[in-house]
Structures are given as C-alpha cells and as structure tokens.
Amino acid sequence: MLDLNKETGISKTKLKKDSKNIQELGNKISKLSINKIELFKFSPNIFDAIINLKKIKSNSAKKRQIQYLGKLLREIDLSNAFLTMENLKVSSQREVKRNHIAEKWRDELLKKNESITKFINQYPDIDKQSLRQTIVNAQKENLNNSQPKYSRQLYKIIKDIIVKDLD
C-alpha cells in the first residue's frame, strides 16, 4: 500500500489542521449575508452547500454539512477566498471605526456648543445651517425625553460627512 503522506512530506496532523481551518472558513462564510457570499465567486455546488448550511438548524446536521463543505473547499484554490474574507473583515472594522467617530462627535456636539465650531473647522464642506438646526432640535429632544428623531438625523449627517472625509 502506497502512503501519499510519506511521499509529499506532509504529516497527518498538518492535513487535519488544514482541513479544520478550511471547515472553519466555510462556517464563517455561511454566517455572512448572501450578497457577501456572492463576492467569493464560488462554483454553484459550493454556493449551494453554503446556502444549505445557512438553512440547517440541527447541530449534528450542521456539523455534517460543514464537513461536506470543507471537502468541497479542499478541492479548489482558496487563496482568493481567504483574501476576500480578510477584505470583508477590514471593511467591517473600518465601518465600526466610522460609527464610533460619528457617535463621539454627536455626543460632543449635543453637550458642548463650542464643539460646533471645532466640527465645522474640521469638516468645512458641511451645510452649517442644517447642522446647527439639527443640533438644536436634538438638544430639545433630549430635554423633553422624546423620540430621538433629530439625534438620529444628526448622527446620519455626521456619518455621511465623515465617510466622505475618510475615503
């Protein structure tokens, strides 16, 4: 009997570890939205296996489907898949950073009047009158404990201007 592992120099432990990593990748991909899964440009059979994995509720059936998906993924070159997953992770981190910056600015603008000047100096392309009016309305909302309509609107204005500036 011919042992391929001895000829290629790859240990069984390494093969099992690689197989487990590929299964984990498949599982992570299955947790993404359909639009993001399509970015990977997998063949129809792999795409179907991922979609089926998303639908399965039973843990044991999920485990079998992950193993099947791993088997399919081992048969193709995954360099682009790992790259796509890394790009999605980086863009997600960038989005979280933008959200934190926008939240920080919104809170600061609602608490300190001098922050408006600082914000306008940093982002001069903004509609100053609209910004000021939205801030005043959001401050009134906070005082009256009413629904945060203008506070959300302020957040959206800030986020839109920050996205333009960071890109």
N, C-alpha and C. Protein backbone atom coordinates (compact mmCIF):
# COMPACT_ATOMS: atom_id res chain seq x y z
N MET A 1 0.84 -1.18 0.00
CA MET A 1 0.00 0.00 0.00
C MET A 1 0.88 1.24 0.00
N LEU A 2 0.55 2.19 -0.82
CA LEU A 2 1.33 3.40 -1.02
C LEU A 2 0.82 4.50 -0.11
N ASP A 3 1.68 5.12 0.67
CA ASP A 3 1.28 6.20 1.57
C ASP A 3 1.69 7.54 0.96
N LEU A 4 0.71 8.32 0.55
CA LEU A 4 0.98 9.61 -0.10
C LEU A 4 1.61 10.60 0.86
N ASN A 5 1.26 10.52 2.13
CA ASN A 5 1.79 11.47 3.12
C ASN A 5 3.31 11.37 3.24
N LYS A 6 3.85 10.14 3.16
CA LYS A 6 5.30 9.97 3.27
C LYS A 6 6.01 10.52 2.04
N GLU A 7 5.37 10.38 0.86
CA GLU A 7 5.98 10.87 -0.37
C GLU A 7 5.99 12.40 -0.42
N THR A 8 4.91 13.05 0.03
CA THR A 8 4.83 14.51 -0.05
C THR A 8 5.46 15.18 1.16
N GLY A 9 5.69 14.44 2.23
CA GLY A 9 6.31 15.02 3.41
C GLY A 9 5.36 15.78 4.31
N ILE A 10 4.06 15.61 4.11
CA ILE A 10 3.07 16.30 4.93
C ILE A 10 2.53 15.32 5.97
N SER A 11 2.56 15.72 7.21
CA SER A 11 2.09 14.85 8.28
C SER A 11 0.57 14.82 8.34
N LYS A 12 0.05 13.77 8.96
CA LYS A 12 -1.40 13.66 9.13
C LYS A 12 -1.92 14.80 9.99
N THR A 13 -1.14 15.19 10.99
CA THR A 13 -1.54 16.28 11.88
C THR A 13 -1.72 17.57 11.08
N LYS A 14 -0.78 17.84 10.19
CA LYS A 14 -0.87 19.05 9.35
C LYS A 14 -2.10 18.98 8.45
N LEU A 15 -2.36 17.82 7.85
CA LEU A 15 -3.52 17.66 6.98
C LEU A 15 -4.82 17.89 7.75
N LYS A 16 -4.89 17.34 8.97
CA LYS A 16 -6.10 17.51 9.80
C LYS A 16 -6.28 18.96 10.19
N LYS A 17 -5.18 19.62 10.53
CA LYS A 17 -5.25 21.03 10.91
C LYS A 17 -5.71 21.89 9.73
N ASP A 18 -5.17 21.62 8.55
CA ASP A 18 -5.59 22.36 7.35
C ASP A 18 -7.06 22.11 7.06
N SER A 19 -7.49 20.85 7.21
CA SER A 19 -8.88 20.51 6.97
C SER A 19 -9.80 21.25 7.94
N LYS A 20 -9.40 21.32 9.19
CA LYS A 20 -10.20 22.02 10.20
C LYS A 20 -10.27 23.52 9.89
N ASN A 21 -9.14 24.12 9.46
CA ASN A 21 -9.13 25.54 9.10
C ASN A 21 -10.06 25.82 7.92
N ILE A 22 -10.07 24.92 6.96
CA ILE A 22 -10.94 25.09 5.78
C ILE A 22 -12.40 24.98 6.20
N GLN A 23 -12.71 24.03 7.10
CA GLN A 23 -14.08 23.90 7.60
C GLN A 23 -14.50 25.15 8.36
N GLU A 24 -13.60 25.72 9.15
CA GLU A 24 -13.90 26.96 9.88
C GLU A 24 -14.16 28.11 8.91
N LEU A 25 -13.37 28.17 7.83
CA LEU A 25 -13.60 29.20 6.81
C LEU A 25 -14.99 29.03 6.20
N GLY A 26 -15.34 27.80 5.85
CA GLY A 26 -16.65 27.54 5.28
C GLY A 26 -17.77 27.93 6.23
N ASN A 27 -17.59 27.65 7.51
CA ASN A 27 -18.59 28.00 8.53
C ASN A 27 -18.72 29.52 8.66
N LYS A 28 -17.59 30.23 8.65
CA LYS A 28 -17.62 31.69 8.74
C LYS A 28 -18.31 32.30 7.51
N ILE A 29 -18.01 31.75 6.35
CA ILE A 29 -18.63 32.24 5.13
C ILE A 29 -20.14 32.04 5.18
N SER A 30 -20.57 30.92 5.73
CA SER A 30 -22.01 30.63 5.78
C SER A 30 -22.76 31.60 6.69
N LYS A 31 -22.05 32.25 7.59
CA LYS A 31 -22.69 33.20 8.50
C LYS A 31 -22.82 34.60 7.89
N LEU A 32 -22.25 34.80 6.71
CA LEU A 32 -22.33 36.09 6.03
C LEU A 32 -23.66 36.21 5.29
N SER A 33 -23.97 37.42 4.87
CA SER A 33 -25.18 37.62 4.06
C SER A 33 -24.97 37.05 2.66
N ILE A 34 -26.06 36.80 1.96
CA ILE A 34 -26.00 36.23 0.61
C ILE A 34 -25.17 37.13 -0.31
N ASN A 35 -25.35 38.45 -0.19
CA ASN A 35 -24.60 39.39 -1.05
C ASN A 35 -23.10 39.24 -0.83
N LYS A 36 -22.69 39.07 0.42
CA LYS A 36 -21.26 38.94 0.70
C LYS A 36 -20.74 37.57 0.27
N ILE A 37 -21.58 36.54 0.38
CA ILE A 37 -21.16 35.22 -0.07
C ILE A 37 -20.91 35.22 -1.57
N GLU A 38 -21.72 35.96 -2.30
CA GLU A 38 -21.55 36.03 -3.75
C GLU A 38 -20.22 36.66 -4.15
N LEU A 39 -19.62 37.46 -3.27
CA LEU A 39 -18.32 38.08 -3.57
C LEU A 39 -17.22 37.04 -3.73
N PHE A 40 -17.41 35.87 -3.13
CA PHE A 40 -16.39 34.83 -3.18
C PHE A 40 -16.34 34.14 -4.55
N LYS A 41 -17.41 34.26 -5.34
CA LYS A 41 -17.48 33.70 -6.69
C LYS A 41 -17.17 32.20 -6.70
N PHE A 42 -17.85 31.46 -5.82
CA PHE A 42 -17.69 30.02 -5.77
C PHE A 42 -18.50 29.36 -6.88
N SER A 43 -18.15 28.13 -7.18
CA SER A 43 -18.92 27.35 -8.16
C SER A 43 -20.32 27.09 -7.59
N PRO A 44 -21.29 26.78 -8.45
CA PRO A 44 -22.67 26.58 -7.97
C PRO A 44 -22.82 25.52 -6.89
N ASN A 45 -22.05 24.41 -6.98
CA ASN A 45 -22.21 23.36 -5.97
C ASN A 45 -21.71 23.83 -4.60
N ILE A 46 -20.64 24.60 -4.55
CA ILE A 46 -20.14 25.12 -3.28
C ILE A 46 -21.10 26.18 -2.75
N PHE A 47 -21.59 27.04 -3.63
CA PHE A 47 -22.56 28.07 -3.22
C PHE A 47 -23.80 27.42 -2.63
N ASP A 48 -24.30 26.37 -3.28
CA ASP A 48 -25.48 25.66 -2.78
C ASP A 48 -25.21 25.02 -1.42
N ALA A 49 -24.01 24.46 -1.25
CA ALA A 49 -23.65 23.84 0.03
C ALA A 49 -23.63 24.89 1.15
N ILE A 50 -23.16 26.10 0.83
CA ILE A 50 -23.13 27.18 1.82
C ILE A 50 -24.55 27.62 2.16
N ILE A 51 -25.39 27.77 1.15
CA ILE A 51 -26.78 28.18 1.38
C ILE A 51 -27.52 27.12 2.19
N ASN A 52 -27.28 25.84 1.89
CA ASN A 52 -27.90 24.77 2.67
C ASN A 52 -27.44 24.81 4.13
N LEU A 53 -26.17 25.11 4.34
CA LEU A 53 -25.65 25.21 5.70
C LEU A 53 -26.35 26.32 6.46
N LYS A 54 -26.62 27.43 5.79
CA LYS A 54 -27.33 28.55 6.43
C LYS A 54 -28.72 28.13 6.90
N LYS A 55 -29.36 27.21 6.17
CA LYS A 55 -30.74 26.81 6.46
C LYS A 55 -30.85 25.77 7.57
N ILE A 56 -29.79 25.01 7.80
CA ILE A 56 -29.85 23.89 8.74
C ILE A 56 -29.89 24.39 10.18
N LYS A 57 -30.79 23.79 10.96
CA LYS A 57 -30.94 24.17 12.37
C LYS A 57 -30.32 23.13 13.32
N SER A 58 -30.36 21.89 12.96
CA SER A 58 -29.86 20.81 13.82
C SER A 58 -28.33 20.86 13.89
N ASN A 59 -27.80 20.74 15.11
CA ASN A 59 -26.34 20.82 15.29
C ASN A 59 -25.60 19.68 14.60
N SER A 60 -26.13 18.46 14.71
CA SER A 60 -25.43 17.33 14.10
C SER A 60 -25.48 17.44 12.57
N ALA A 61 -26.61 17.88 12.03
CA ALA A 61 -26.71 18.06 10.58
C ALA A 61 -25.79 19.19 10.12
N LYS A 62 -25.69 20.24 10.94
CA LYS A 62 -24.78 21.34 10.62
C LYS A 62 -23.34 20.85 10.55
N LYS A 63 -22.98 20.04 11.52
CA LYS A 63 -21.61 19.52 11.57
C LYS A 63 -21.30 18.71 10.31
N ARG A 64 -22.24 17.86 9.90
CA ARG A 64 -22.04 17.07 8.67
C ARG A 64 -21.94 17.97 7.45
N GLN A 65 -22.78 19.00 7.40
CA GLN A 65 -22.76 19.91 6.25
C GLN A 65 -21.45 20.71 6.21
N ILE A 66 -20.94 21.09 7.38
CA ILE A 66 -19.65 21.80 7.44
C ILE A 66 -18.53 20.89 6.93
N GLN A 67 -18.59 19.61 7.30
CA GLN A 67 -17.58 18.67 6.81
C GLN A 67 -17.68 18.51 5.30
N TYR A 68 -18.91 18.43 4.80
CA TYR A 68 -19.11 18.31 3.35
C TYR A 68 -18.60 19.56 2.64
N LEU A 69 -18.93 20.72 3.18
CA LEU A 69 -18.46 21.98 2.60
C LEU A 69 -16.94 22.04 2.62
N GLY A 70 -16.33 21.60 3.71
CA GLY A 70 -14.87 21.56 3.80
C GLY A 70 -14.27 20.68 2.73
N LYS A 71 -14.93 19.54 2.47
CA LYS A 71 -14.45 18.62 1.42
C LYS A 71 -14.49 19.32 0.06
N LEU A 72 -15.59 20.02 -0.21
CA LEU A 72 -15.69 20.74 -1.49
C LEU A 72 -14.65 21.85 -1.59
N LEU A 73 -14.43 22.55 -0.49
CA LEU A 73 -13.49 23.67 -0.50
C LEU A 73 -12.04 23.20 -0.64
N ARG A 74 -11.73 22.01 -0.11
CA ARG A 74 -10.36 21.49 -0.23
C ARG A 74 -9.99 21.21 -1.67
N GLU A 75 -10.98 21.03 -2.53
CA GLU A 75 -10.72 20.68 -3.93
C GLU A 75 -10.41 21.89 -4.81
N ILE A 76 -10.54 23.11 -4.26
CA ILE A 76 -10.28 24.31 -5.06
C ILE A 76 -9.18 25.14 -4.42
N ASP A 77 -8.68 26.11 -5.17
CA ASP A 77 -7.68 27.05 -4.65
C ASP A 77 -8.41 28.10 -3.79
N LEU A 78 -8.04 28.19 -2.53
CA LEU A 78 -8.74 29.08 -1.61
C LEU A 78 -8.02 30.39 -1.35
N SER A 79 -6.98 30.68 -2.09
CA SER A 79 -6.24 31.92 -1.83
C SER A 79 -7.14 33.15 -1.99
N ASN A 80 -7.98 33.16 -3.04
CA ASN A 80 -8.90 34.28 -3.23
C ASN A 80 -9.96 34.33 -2.14
N ALA A 81 -10.41 33.18 -1.68
CA ALA A 81 -11.43 33.13 -0.62
C ALA A 81 -10.87 33.73 0.68
N PHE A 82 -9.63 33.36 1.04
CA PHE A 82 -9.02 33.91 2.25
C PHE A 82 -8.81 35.42 2.11
N LEU A 83 -8.42 35.85 0.92
CA LEU A 83 -8.22 37.28 0.66
C LEU A 83 -9.53 38.04 0.75
N THR A 84 -10.59 37.49 0.17
CA THR A 84 -11.91 38.13 0.23
C THR A 84 -12.39 38.22 1.67
N MET A 85 -12.20 37.15 2.44
CA MET A 85 -12.62 37.16 3.84
C MET A 85 -11.85 38.23 4.63
N GLU A 86 -10.57 38.37 4.36
CA GLU A 86 -9.76 39.39 5.05
C GLU A 86 -10.23 40.80 4.66
N ASN A 87 -10.55 41.00 3.39
CA ASN A 87 -11.06 42.31 2.94
C ASN A 87 -12.39 42.65 3.60
N LEU A 88 -13.25 41.65 3.75
CA LEU A 88 -14.53 41.88 4.43
C LEU A 88 -14.31 42.24 5.89
N LYS A 89 -13.35 41.59 6.51
CA LYS A 89 -13.04 41.86 7.92
C LYS A 89 -12.51 43.29 8.08
N VAL A 90 -11.62 43.70 7.18
CA VAL A 90 -11.04 45.04 7.25
C VAL A 90 -12.11 46.10 7.00
N SER A 91 -12.98 45.87 6.02
CA SER A 91 -14.03 46.86 5.75
C SER A 91 -15.02 46.93 6.91
N SER A 92 -15.25 45.83 7.57
CA SER A 92 -16.13 45.82 8.74
C SER A 92 -15.50 46.62 9.89
N GLN A 93 -14.21 46.44 10.09
CA GLN A 93 -13.50 47.18 11.14
C GLN A 93 -13.51 48.67 10.83
N ARG A 94 -13.36 49.01 9.55
CA ARG A 94 -13.39 50.41 9.13
C ARG A 94 -14.76 51.02 9.42
N GLU A 95 -15.81 50.27 9.16
CA GLU A 95 -17.17 50.73 9.41
C GLU A 95 -17.42 50.95 10.91
N VAL A 96 -16.93 50.05 11.73
CA VAL A 96 -17.06 50.20 13.18
C VAL A 96 -16.34 51.45 13.65
N LYS A 97 -15.15 51.70 13.09
CA LYS A 97 -14.38 52.89 13.45
C LYS A 97 -15.16 54.16 13.07
N ARG A 98 -15.74 54.18 11.89
CA ARG A 98 -16.54 55.33 11.46
C ARG A 98 -17.72 55.55 12.39
N ASN A 99 -18.38 54.46 12.77
CA ASN A 99 -19.53 54.57 13.68
C ASN A 99 -19.12 55.17 15.02
N HIS A 100 -17.98 54.72 15.54
CA HIS A 100 -17.51 55.25 16.82
C HIS A 100 -17.18 56.74 16.72
N ILE A 101 -16.55 57.13 15.63
CA ILE A 101 -16.21 58.55 15.43
C ILE A 101 -17.49 59.38 15.34
N ALA A 102 -18.47 58.88 14.59
CA ALA A 102 -19.74 59.62 14.43
C ALA A 102 -20.47 59.73 15.77
N GLU A 103 -20.50 58.65 16.54
CA GLU A 103 -21.15 58.68 17.85
C GLU A 103 -20.46 59.68 18.79
N LYS A 104 -19.14 59.66 18.75
CA LYS A 104 -18.38 60.58 19.61
C LYS A 104 -18.68 62.03 19.25
N TRP A 105 -18.68 62.34 17.95
CA TRP A 105 -18.97 63.70 17.52
C TRP A 105 -20.40 64.10 17.89
N ARG A 106 -21.36 63.18 17.68
CA ARG A 106 -22.75 63.50 18.01
C ARG A 106 -22.89 63.84 19.49
N ASP A 107 -22.31 63.01 20.35
CA ASP A 107 -22.40 63.25 21.79
C ASP A 107 -21.75 64.57 22.17
N GLU A 108 -20.60 64.84 21.55
CA GLU A 108 -19.89 66.08 21.86
C GLU A 108 -20.66 67.31 21.37
N LEU A 109 -21.23 67.21 20.17
CA LEU A 109 -21.99 68.34 19.61
C LEU A 109 -23.25 68.63 20.43
N LEU A 110 -23.85 67.60 21.00
CA LEU A 110 -25.06 67.80 21.80
C LEU A 110 -24.75 68.37 23.18
N LYS A 111 -23.54 68.15 23.68
CA LYS A 111 -23.19 68.61 25.03
C LYS A 111 -22.51 69.96 25.06
N LYS A 112 -21.64 70.25 24.09
CA LYS A 112 -20.84 71.47 24.13
C LYS A 112 -21.09 72.31 22.88
N ASN A 113 -21.47 73.57 23.07
CA ASN A 113 -21.72 74.46 21.93
C ASN A 113 -20.45 74.81 21.16
N GLU A 114 -19.31 74.87 21.85
CA GLU A 114 -18.05 75.21 21.17
C GLU A 114 -17.59 74.08 20.24
N SER A 115 -18.16 72.89 20.40
CA SER A 115 -17.80 71.76 19.54
C SER A 115 -18.28 71.98 18.11
N ILE A 116 -19.33 72.77 17.94
CA ILE A 116 -19.85 73.02 16.60
C ILE A 116 -18.78 73.69 15.75
N THR A 117 -18.13 74.70 16.31
CA THR A 117 -17.07 75.41 15.59
C THR A 117 -15.92 74.46 15.26
N LYS A 118 -15.55 73.65 16.22
CA LYS A 118 -14.47 72.68 16.02
C LYS A 118 -14.83 71.70 14.90
N PHE A 119 -16.08 71.22 14.90
CA PHE A 119 -16.52 70.28 13.87
C PHE A 119 -16.52 70.94 12.49
N ILE A 120 -17.05 72.15 12.43
CA ILE A 120 -17.12 72.87 11.15
C ILE A 120 -15.71 73.16 10.62
N ASN A 121 -14.77 73.47 11.51
CA ASN A 121 -13.39 73.70 11.08
C ASN A 121 -12.77 72.42 10.52
N GLN A 122 -13.09 71.29 11.13
CA GLN A 122 -12.53 70.03 10.68
C GLN A 122 -13.20 69.53 9.39
N TYR A 123 -14.49 69.80 9.26
CA TYR A 123 -15.25 69.36 8.08
C TYR A 123 -15.96 70.56 7.45
N PRO A 124 -15.24 71.41 6.72
CA PRO A 124 -15.81 72.67 6.21
C PRO A 124 -16.87 72.49 5.10
N ASP A 125 -16.96 71.31 4.50
CA ASP A 125 -17.91 71.10 3.40
C ASP A 125 -19.35 70.89 3.86
N ILE A 126 -19.58 70.88 5.15
CA ILE A 126 -20.91 70.57 5.68
C ILE A 126 -21.84 71.77 5.56
N ASP A 127 -23.14 71.51 5.45
CA ASP A 127 -24.16 72.55 5.45
C ASP A 127 -24.31 73.03 6.90
N LYS A 128 -23.73 74.18 7.19
CA LYS A 128 -23.64 74.67 8.57
C LYS A 128 -25.02 74.97 9.17
N GLN A 129 -25.88 75.57 8.40
CA GLN A 129 -27.20 75.94 8.91
C GLN A 129 -28.02 74.68 9.26
N SER A 130 -28.00 73.71 8.38
CA SER A 130 -28.72 72.47 8.61
C SER A 130 -28.16 71.74 9.84
N LEU A 131 -26.84 71.73 9.96
CA LEU A 131 -26.19 71.10 11.12
C LEU A 131 -26.64 71.77 12.41
N ARG A 132 -26.56 73.09 12.46
CA ARG A 132 -26.93 73.81 13.68
C ARG A 132 -28.40 73.58 14.05
N GLN A 133 -29.28 73.61 13.05
CA GLN A 133 -30.70 73.41 13.31
C GLN A 133 -30.97 71.99 13.83
N THR A 134 -30.29 71.02 13.26
CA THR A 134 -30.46 69.63 13.70
C THR A 134 -29.95 69.46 15.13
N ILE A 135 -28.84 70.12 15.46
CA ILE A 135 -28.30 70.05 16.82
C ILE A 135 -29.29 70.66 17.81
N VAL A 136 -29.84 71.83 17.48
CA VAL A 136 -30.81 72.49 18.37
C VAL A 136 -32.02 71.59 18.58
N ASN A 137 -32.53 71.02 17.51
CA ASN A 137 -33.69 70.13 17.62
C ASN A 137 -33.37 68.88 18.45
N ALA A 138 -32.17 68.32 18.27
CA ALA A 138 -31.77 67.14 19.04
C ALA A 138 -31.63 67.48 20.52
N GLN A 139 -31.10 68.67 20.81
CA GLN A 139 -30.97 69.09 22.22
C GLN A 139 -32.35 69.25 22.86
N LYS A 140 -33.32 69.79 22.10
CA LYS A 140 -34.69 69.92 22.61
C LYS A 140 -35.28 68.54 22.88
N GLU A 141 -35.01 67.62 21.98
CA GLU A 141 -35.48 66.24 22.17
C GLU A 141 -34.97 65.65 23.47
N ASN A 142 -33.68 65.86 23.73
CA ASN A 142 -33.08 65.32 24.96
C ASN A 142 -33.72 65.92 26.21
N LEU A 143 -34.01 67.22 26.16
CA LEU A 143 -34.64 67.87 27.31
C LEU A 143 -36.05 67.35 27.55
N ASN A 144 -36.78 67.09 26.48
CA ASN A 144 -38.17 66.64 26.59
C ASN A 144 -38.30 65.12 26.70
N ASN A 145 -37.18 64.41 26.64
CA ASN A 145 -37.18 62.94 26.66
C ASN A 145 -38.11 62.35 25.60
N SER A 146 -38.13 62.96 24.44
CA SER A 146 -38.97 62.46 23.35
C SER A 146 -38.16 61.52 22.45
N GLN A 147 -38.82 61.01 21.42
CA GLN A 147 -38.16 60.09 20.49
C GLN A 147 -36.93 60.76 19.85
N PRO A 148 -35.83 60.01 19.69
CA PRO A 148 -34.58 60.62 19.20
C PRO A 148 -34.50 60.79 17.68
N LYS A 149 -35.53 61.39 17.10
CA LYS A 149 -35.55 61.58 15.65
C LYS A 149 -34.39 62.45 15.17
N TYR A 150 -34.23 63.62 15.78
CA TYR A 150 -33.19 64.55 15.33
C TYR A 150 -31.79 64.08 15.75
N SER A 151 -31.72 63.37 16.84
CA SER A 151 -30.44 62.82 17.25
C SER A 151 -29.96 61.80 16.22
N ARG A 152 -30.88 60.98 15.72
CA ARG A 152 -30.53 60.03 14.65
C ARG A 152 -30.17 60.76 13.36
N GLN A 153 -30.91 61.81 13.08
CA GLN A 153 -30.64 62.60 11.88
C GLN A 153 -29.25 63.24 11.98
N LEU A 154 -28.91 63.76 13.16
CA LEU A 154 -27.59 64.34 13.39
C LEU A 154 -26.50 63.29 13.18
N TYR A 155 -26.73 62.10 13.72
CA TYR A 155 -25.77 61.01 13.55
C TYR A 155 -25.56 60.71 12.07
N LYS A 156 -26.64 60.66 11.30
CA LYS A 156 -26.54 60.37 9.87
C LYS A 156 -25.77 61.46 9.13
N ILE A 157 -26.05 62.72 9.48
CA ILE A 157 -25.33 63.84 8.85
C ILE A 157 -23.84 63.73 9.14
N ILE A 158 -23.51 63.48 10.39
CA ILE A 158 -22.10 63.38 10.80
C ILE A 158 -21.44 62.21 10.10
N LYS A 159 -22.10 61.06 10.10
CA LYS A 159 -21.50 59.87 9.49
C LYS A 159 -21.27 60.07 8.00
N ASP A 160 -22.23 60.68 7.32
CA ASP A 160 -22.07 60.92 5.89
C ASP A 160 -20.88 61.81 5.59
N ILE A 161 -20.70 62.85 6.39
CA ILE A 161 -19.58 63.77 6.14
C ILE A 161 -18.24 63.10 6.51
N ILE A 162 -18.24 62.27 7.55
CA ILE A 162 -17.01 61.58 7.96
C ILE A 162 -16.61 60.57 6.90
N VAL A 163 -17.58 59.83 6.35
CA VAL A 163 -17.30 58.83 5.31
C VAL A 163 -16.65 59.51 4.09
N LYS A 164 -17.19 60.67 3.71
CA LYS A 164 -16.59 61.40 2.58
C LYS A 164 -15.16 61.81 2.88
N ASP A 165 -14.92 62.23 4.12
CA ASP A 165 -13.60 62.70 4.51
C ASP A 165 -12.59 61.57 4.62
N LEU A 166 -13.02 60.39 5.15
CA LEU A 166 -12.10 59.27 5.34
C LEU A 166 -11.80 58.52 4.05
N ASP A 167 -12.69 58.57 3.09
CA ASP A 167 -12.48 57.84 1.83
C ASP A 167 -11.61 58.57 0.86
